Amino acid sequence: MTVCAPAELDRVYDYLGAGAHFVPLPRLGDPATVTALRNACIGADVVHAHGLPASVRAALALSGRTGGPGGGGRAPLVTTWDSRVHVDGAGGGMLRLLERRTVRAATVVLGTSSELVDRARRRGARDARLAPVTVPAARGPVCLHDGKARAELGAVDRPLLMAVGALERGRGYRTLLDAARSWRELDPQPLLVIAGEGRERAALQRRIAAEGLPVRLIGRREDVAELLAAADVAVLPSRWEARSLLAQEALRLGVPLVATAVGGVPELVGDAAELVPYGDAEALAGAVRGLLEDVERRMDLAAAGRVQARSWPTEDETVAHVLSVYDELVGR
């Protein structure tokens, strides 16, 4: 297997250590990327692109290319849609054009949520299929309500709320801070901890300080599972998610979750979370407050979360599903 990606990603995912042949690509937007991909795809039986930018470049690289199984015709292109870009105005029209061209160039489109599969079909995909991806379970024991983690975060004698994700527009953190204003009235006052980095950090921090909000920004962390396990409630206020990593971790750990009813979230969590509309600070604040005041409801959600997590495909099943698609295409 050959993996083509920016050089820095190999340091994160260790493609070489996993036994793959690695082809470093130029920076995103560099015209040389398509040339590098075209050369890497020579003789390929199947080409699999992940995400819209990679799919656009893979489609360009394969255009006019011959080869593939038995040397006849272009190698089949598989694309995976696992996210959705929101662009307004003229940029939105360009985005839809790129989506249409990409899915029509693909032999198979794999969507990680039913909503993404439907979107691909609306854009003209010939063959779009559901291919949910599950985050591997954390290795080793994770202690719920770990006292050390709570002490570090400053939530020994108060409820701990946890949110995780890049501090970017569309992640719902402004709405979350609106909700945090009402939690100041609770006794004891809950502490909201947000793990992640991004361009919105400075603006969020200024607002936290100016309004005296019970919120801490702790930056990017490697021990998210341990911190999340120590929380009383996890919060996911995003504008859109496919198969949220936070939602998967929370349910698997038995941490009650309040999330926005967007994208693939309802399909992912089922009845094992409290769902609220995106951008509705009052509904978000009320759902969290209701859980903090209802121990039995939190226990019910914790149990339901673990049951729901067992319904997701395992890592091995996810890999087997993708390999079965490859086998199908090579055998045609």
Protein backbone atom coordinates (compact mmCIF):
# COMPACT_ATOMS: atom_id res chain seq x y z
CA MET A 1 0.00 0.00 0.00
CA THR A 2 1.18 3.51 -0.85
CA VAL A 3 0.10 6.52 1.22
CA CYS A 4 0.33 10.01 -0.26
CA ALA A 5 0.09 12.88 2.24
CA PRO A 6 1.91 16.00 3.46
CA ALA A 7 5.23 15.06 5.07
CA GLU A 8 4.24 16.27 8.54
CA LEU A 9 1.38 13.76 8.73
CA ASP A 10 3.78 10.83 8.73
CA ARG A 11 5.13 12.13 12.04
CA VAL A 12 1.59 12.01 13.42
CA TYR A 13 0.33 8.73 11.95
CA ASP A 14 3.61 6.87 11.31
CA TYR A 15 2.67 5.43 7.93
CA LEU A 16 6.17 4.04 7.46
CA GLY A 17 6.01 2.34 10.86
CA ALA A 18 2.74 0.70 9.81
CA GLY A 19 4.49 -0.81 6.79
CA ALA A 20 3.17 1.50 4.06
CA HIS A 21 5.20 3.07 1.29
CA PHE A 22 4.98 6.81 1.94
CA VAL A 23 5.03 9.52 -0.73
CA PRO A 24 5.31 13.03 0.79
CA LEU A 25 3.24 15.62 -1.07
CA PRO A 26 3.88 19.34 -1.52
CA ARG A 27 1.82 21.86 0.42
CA LEU A 28 -1.89 22.11 -0.19
CA GLY A 29 -2.49 24.29 -3.23
CA ASP A 30 0.89 23.58 -4.84
CA PRO A 31 0.29 22.54 -8.50
CA ALA A 32 3.05 19.98 -8.09
CA THR A 33 0.73 17.97 -5.83
CA VAL A 34 -1.32 16.70 -8.78
CA THR A 35 1.83 15.69 -10.65
CA ALA A 36 3.15 13.84 -7.61
CA LEU A 37 -0.17 12.03 -7.22
CA ARG A 38 -0.31 11.15 -10.92
CA ASN A 39 3.13 9.53 -10.69
CA ALA A 40 2.26 7.71 -7.45
CA CYS A 41 -0.92 6.28 -8.99
CA ILE A 42 0.86 4.62 -11.91
CA GLY A 43 -0.03 0.93 -11.77
CA ALA A 44 -2.45 1.32 -8.87
CA ASP A 45 -5.38 -1.11 -8.68
CA VAL A 46 -7.48 1.24 -6.54
CA VAL A 47 -7.03 4.86 -5.47
CA HIS A 48 -8.71 5.96 -2.21
CA ALA A 49 -8.94 9.67 -1.36
CA HIS A 50 -10.07 10.93 2.05
CA GLY A 51 -11.90 14.25 2.19
CA LEU A 52 -12.90 16.73 -0.50
CA PRO A 53 -9.50 18.43 -1.10
CA ALA A 54 -7.73 15.10 -1.53
CA SER A 55 -10.56 13.79 -3.72
CA VAL A 56 -10.37 16.80 -6.05
CA ARG A 57 -6.64 16.31 -6.53
CA ALA A 58 -6.94 12.55 -6.96
CA ALA A 59 -9.62 13.01 -9.63
CA LEU A 60 -7.36 15.44 -11.49
CA ALA A 61 -4.41 13.10 -11.19
CA LEU A 62 -6.40 10.18 -12.60
CA SER A 63 -8.01 12.09 -15.46
CA GLY A 64 -6.75 10.63 -18.70
CA ARG A 65 -4.70 8.04 -16.84
CA THR A 66 -4.71 4.45 -18.06
CA GLY A 67 -3.71 1.49 -15.97
CA GLY A 68 -5.60 -0.17 -13.17
CA PRO A 69 -6.41 -3.86 -12.90
CA GLY A 70 -4.97 -5.80 -15.81
CA GLY A 71 -3.69 -2.58 -17.38
CA GLY A 72 -7.07 -1.69 -18.85
CA GLY A 73 -8.60 1.68 -18.08
CA ARG A 74 -8.19 4.11 -15.23
CA ALA A 75 -7.83 2.81 -11.68
CA PRO A 76 -11.16 3.04 -9.81
CA LEU A 77 -11.39 5.99 -7.45
CA VAL A 78 -12.90 5.60 -3.97
CA THR A 79 -13.57 8.75 -1.97
CA THR A 80 -14.50 9.01 1.68
CA TRP A 81 -16.64 11.89 2.91
CA ASP A 82 -16.17 12.28 6.65
CA SER A 83 -16.70 16.01 7.03
CA ARG A 84 -18.67 18.86 5.58
CA VAL A 85 -17.42 22.35 4.74
CA HIS A 86 -19.77 25.30 5.28
CA VAL A 87 -19.19 28.17 2.85
CA ASP A 88 -21.63 31.02 2.25
CA GLY A 89 -22.14 33.18 -0.83
CA ALA A 90 -20.21 32.63 -4.06
CA GLY A 91 -17.86 30.25 -2.27
CA GLY A 92 -20.79 27.96 -1.57
CA GLY A 93 -21.48 27.63 -5.29
CA MET A 94 -17.85 26.73 -5.96
CA LEU A 95 -17.97 24.15 -3.18
CA ARG A 96 -21.05 22.48 -4.67
CA LEU A 97 -19.35 22.42 -8.08
CA LEU A 98 -16.27 20.71 -6.64
CA GLU A 99 -18.46 18.19 -4.82
CA ARG A 100 -20.37 17.38 -8.01
CA ARG A 101 -17.23 16.92 -10.07
CA THR A 102 -15.59 14.80 -7.41
CA VAL A 103 -18.44 12.38 -6.79
CA ARG A 104 -19.04 11.96 -10.52
CA ALA A 105 -15.38 11.07 -10.99
CA ALA A 106 -15.54 8.52 -8.17
CA THR A 107 -16.44 4.90 -8.70
CA VAL A 108 -17.64 4.64 -5.09
CA VAL A 109 -18.29 7.33 -2.48
CA LEU A 110 -18.15 6.21 1.15
CA GLY A 111 -19.96 8.48 3.62
CA THR A 112 -19.36 8.16 7.34
CA SER A 113 -22.96 9.21 8.08
CA SER A 114 -26.27 8.76 6.29
CA GLU A 115 -26.51 12.52 5.79
CA LEU A 116 -23.21 12.54 3.89
CA VAL A 117 -24.34 9.59 1.76
CA ASP A 118 -27.53 11.47 0.86
CA ARG A 119 -25.52 14.59 0.08
CA ALA A 120 -23.23 12.65 -2.27
CA ARG A 121 -26.25 11.18 -4.05
CA ARG A 122 -27.77 14.64 -4.49
CA ARG A 123 -24.49 15.76 -6.06
CA GLY A 124 -24.71 12.96 -8.62
CA ALA A 125 -22.74 10.06 -7.13
CA ARG A 126 -23.22 6.84 -9.10
CA ASP A 127 -22.56 4.64 -6.07
CA ALA A 128 -22.69 6.12 -2.55
CA ARG A 129 -22.56 3.87 0.51
CA LEU A 130 -22.61 4.22 4.27
CA ALA A 131 -19.24 3.42 5.83
CA PRO A 132 -19.25 4.47 9.49
CA VAL A 133 -15.85 4.83 11.15
CA THR A 134 -15.40 4.15 14.85
CA VAL A 135 -12.58 5.59 16.92
CA PRO A 136 -10.54 2.76 18.50
CA ALA A 137 -11.20 2.36 22.22
CA ALA A 138 -8.57 3.78 24.54
CA ARG A 139 -6.01 1.17 25.55
CA GLY A 140 -5.62 0.52 29.24
CA PRO A 141 -7.96 1.40 32.12
CA VAL A 142 -9.55 4.84 32.32
CA CYS A 143 -10.84 5.88 35.75
CA LEU A 144 -14.20 7.65 35.84
CA HIS A 145 -14.30 10.77 38.03
CA ASP A 146 -10.55 10.51 38.62
CA GLY A 147 -9.77 12.69 41.62
CA LYS A 148 -6.32 13.67 40.37
CA ALA A 149 -7.69 14.96 37.05
CA ARG A 150 -10.46 16.90 38.77
CA ALA A 151 -7.98 18.44 41.20
CA GLU A 152 -5.73 19.53 38.34
CA LEU A 153 -8.65 21.19 36.58
CA GLY A 154 -9.94 22.85 39.75
CA ALA A 155 -13.21 20.92 40.06
CA VAL A 156 -12.84 18.92 43.27
CA ASP A 157 -15.98 20.26 44.96
CA ARG A 158 -17.95 21.39 41.93
CA PRO A 159 -19.47 19.77 38.81
CA LEU A 160 -17.11 19.41 35.84
CA LEU A 161 -18.31 19.99 32.28
CA MET A 162 -16.02 19.03 29.40
CA ALA A 163 -15.86 20.10 25.76
CA VAL A 164 -13.16 19.09 23.28
CA GLY A 165 -12.34 20.39 19.81
CA ALA A 166 -10.57 23.02 17.74
CA LEU A 167 -11.36 26.58 18.78
CA GLU A 168 -12.78 27.57 15.42
CA ARG A 169 -15.97 29.14 14.12
CA GLY A 170 -18.72 26.61 13.66
CA ARG A 171 -17.77 24.62 16.75
CA GLY A 172 -20.42 26.41 18.80
CA TYR A 173 -18.19 27.80 21.53
CA ARG A 174 -19.77 31.24 21.49
CA THR A 175 -23.14 29.64 22.16
CA LEU A 176 -21.49 27.54 24.86
CA LEU A 177 -20.20 30.67 26.59
CA ASP A 178 -23.71 32.16 26.38
CA ALA A 179 -24.96 29.05 28.18
CA ALA A 180 -22.17 29.31 30.77
CA ARG A 181 -23.52 32.68 31.89
CA SER A 182 -26.60 30.99 33.35
CA TRP A 183 -24.54 28.32 35.13
CA ARG A 184 -23.01 31.03 37.35
CA GLU A 185 -26.27 30.99 39.30
CA LEU A 186 -25.93 27.32 40.26
CA ASP A 187 -24.58 26.25 43.63
CA PRO A 188 -22.07 24.75 43.47
CA GLN A 189 -21.09 26.55 40.30
CA PRO A 190 -19.99 24.10 37.58
CA LEU A 191 -16.67 24.53 35.82
CA LEU A 192 -16.59 24.23 32.03
CA VAL A 193 -13.24 23.05 30.65
CA ILE A 194 -12.53 23.27 26.91
CA ALA A 195 -9.59 21.32 25.47
CA GLY A 196 -8.33 22.43 22.07
CA GLU A 197 -6.55 25.18 20.18
CA GLY A 198 -7.50 27.45 17.30
CA ARG A 199 -7.94 30.95 15.95
CA GLU A 200 -10.87 31.73 18.26
CA ARG A 201 -8.87 31.24 21.46
CA ALA A 202 -7.97 34.89 22.06
CA ALA A 203 -11.53 36.11 21.49
CA LEU A 204 -12.98 33.41 23.73
CA GLN A 205 -10.44 34.10 26.48
CA ARG A 206 -11.20 37.83 26.41
CA ARG A 207 -14.89 37.15 26.79
CA ILE A 208 -14.35 34.65 29.62
CA ALA A 209 -12.33 37.26 31.51
CA ALA A 210 -14.67 40.18 30.78
CA GLU A 211 -17.82 38.32 31.87
CA GLY A 212 -16.28 36.32 34.70
CA LEU A 213 -17.44 33.03 33.20
CA PRO A 214 -16.69 29.72 34.98
CA VAL A 215 -14.73 28.46 31.96
CA ARG A 216 -11.12 27.30 31.48
CA LEU A 217 -9.33 26.92 28.14
CA ILE A 218 -6.63 24.30 28.64
CA GLY A 219 -5.26 24.03 25.10
CA ARG A 220 -4.41 20.87 23.22
CA ARG A 221 -4.04 17.83 25.48
CA GLU A 222 -2.80 14.28 25.01
CA ASP A 223 -4.81 12.97 27.97
CA VAL A 224 -8.30 13.88 26.72
CA ALA A 225 -9.76 10.45 27.54
CA GLU A 226 -8.64 10.73 31.17
CA LEU A 227 -9.98 14.29 31.51
CA LEU A 228 -13.27 13.38 29.84
CA ALA A 229 -13.69 10.37 32.11
CA ALA A 230 -13.45 12.69 35.10
CA ALA A 231 -16.32 14.90 33.84
CA ASP A 232 -19.90 14.90 35.06
CA VAL A 233 -21.24 15.97 31.64
CA ALA A 234 -19.67 16.25 28.17
CA VAL A 235 -20.86 19.03 25.86
CA LEU A 236 -20.78 19.09 22.04
CA PRO A 237 -22.19 22.42 20.71
CA SER A 238 -21.02 22.13 17.06
CA ARG A 239 -22.78 23.46 13.98
CA TRP A 240 -22.13 20.14 12.23
CA GLU A 241 -20.52 16.77 12.98
CA ALA A 242 -20.39 13.43 11.18
CA ARG A 243 -19.17 10.88 13.75
CA SER A 244 -17.88 13.14 16.49
CA LEU A 245 -14.80 11.87 18.32
CA LEU A 246 -15.99 13.52 21.53
CA ALA A 247 -19.41 11.86 21.30
CA GLN A 248 -17.84 8.46 20.73
CA GLU A 249 -15.41 8.83 23.63
CA ALA A 250 -18.11 10.13 25.99
CA LEU A 251 -20.60 7.34 25.28
CA ARG A 252 -17.95 4.65 25.43
CA LEU A 253 -16.78 5.97 28.82
CA GLY A 254 -20.32 6.34 30.15
CA VAL A 255 -20.13 10.14 30.46
CA PRO A 256 -23.55 11.82 29.93
CA LEU A 257 -23.53 13.89 26.75
CA VAL A 258 -25.40 17.02 25.68
CA ALA A 259 -24.98 17.60 21.93
CA THR A 260 -26.48 19.53 19.06
CA ALA A 261 -28.88 17.55 16.84
CA VAL A 262 -26.86 18.13 13.66
CA GLY A 263 -25.33 16.03 10.88
CA GLY A 264 -24.63 12.47 11.89
CA VAL A 265 -24.90 13.07 15.65
CA PRO A 266 -28.49 11.77 16.13
CA GLU A 267 -27.66 8.64 14.12
CA LEU A 268 -24.46 8.11 16.12
CA VAL A 269 -25.85 8.55 19.65
CA GLY A 270 -29.43 7.30 19.29
CA ASP A 271 -31.28 7.78 22.58
CA ALA A 272 -28.07 7.83 24.62
CA ALA A 273 -27.62 11.62 24.76
CA GLU A 274 -29.55 14.83 25.30
CA LEU A 275 -29.91 16.60 21.93
CA VAL A 276 -30.55 20.34 21.47
CA PRO A 277 -30.81 22.66 18.44
CA TYR A 278 -27.59 24.28 17.22
CA GLY A 279 -27.15 27.87 18.36
CA ASP A 280 -29.82 27.68 21.08
CA ALA A 281 -27.96 28.74 24.24
CA GLU A 282 -31.07 28.52 26.40
CA ALA A 283 -31.79 24.92 25.36
CA LEU A 284 -28.13 23.97 25.82
CA ALA A 285 -27.94 25.57 29.27
CA GLY A 286 -31.22 23.95 30.32
CA ALA A 287 -30.19 20.46 29.17
CA VAL A 288 -26.91 20.64 31.10
CA ARG A 289 -28.60 22.07 34.18
CA GLY A 290 -31.23 19.32 34.05
CA LEU A 291 -28.56 16.62 34.04
CA LEU A 292 -26.63 18.19 36.89
CA GLU A 293 -29.80 18.21 38.97
CA ASP A 294 -30.86 14.65 38.07
CA VAL A 295 -28.43 11.95 39.17
CA GLU A 296 -30.68 9.12 37.96
CA ARG A 297 -30.92 10.60 34.46
CA ARG A 298 -27.13 10.85 34.32
CA MET A 299 -26.85 7.21 35.36
CA ASP A 300 -29.41 6.17 32.73
CA LEU A 301 -27.50 8.03 30.00
CA ALA A 302 -24.21 6.54 31.16
CA ALA A 303 -25.62 3.01 30.82
CA ALA A 304 -27.34 3.78 27.52
CA GLY A 305 -24.11 5.28 26.16
CA ARG A 306 -22.14 2.12 26.77
CA VAL A 307 -24.86 0.04 25.11
CA GLN A 308 -24.96 2.39 22.10
CA ALA A 309 -21.15 2.24 21.77
CA ARG A 310 -21.29 -1.55 21.52
CA SER A 311 -23.53 -1.16 18.44
CA TRP A 312 -20.82 0.69 16.49
CA PRO A 313 -18.53 -1.23 14.13
CA THR A 314 -15.19 -2.26 15.60
CA GLU A 315 -11.89 -1.12 14.15
CA ASP A 316 -11.44 -4.53 12.49
CA GLU A 317 -14.94 -4.39 11.01
CA THR A 318 -14.27 -0.91 9.64
CA VAL A 319 -11.08 -2.09 7.95
CA ALA A 320 -12.76 -5.23 6.61
CA HIS A 321 -15.57 -3.17 5.08
CA VAL A 322 -13.15 -0.93 3.18
CA LEU A 323 -11.09 -3.90 2.01
CA SER A 324 -14.25 -5.58 0.71
CA VAL A 325 -14.89 -2.50 -1.44
CA TYR A 326 -11.36 -2.72 -2.82
CA ASP A 327 -11.81 -6.43 -3.60
CA GLU A 328 -15.11 -5.72 -5.34
CA LEU A 329 -13.60 -3.04 -7.55
CA VAL A 330 -10.48 -5.02 -8.43
CA GLY A 331 -12.64 -8.04 -9.30
CA ARG A 332 -14.85 -6.15 -11.75
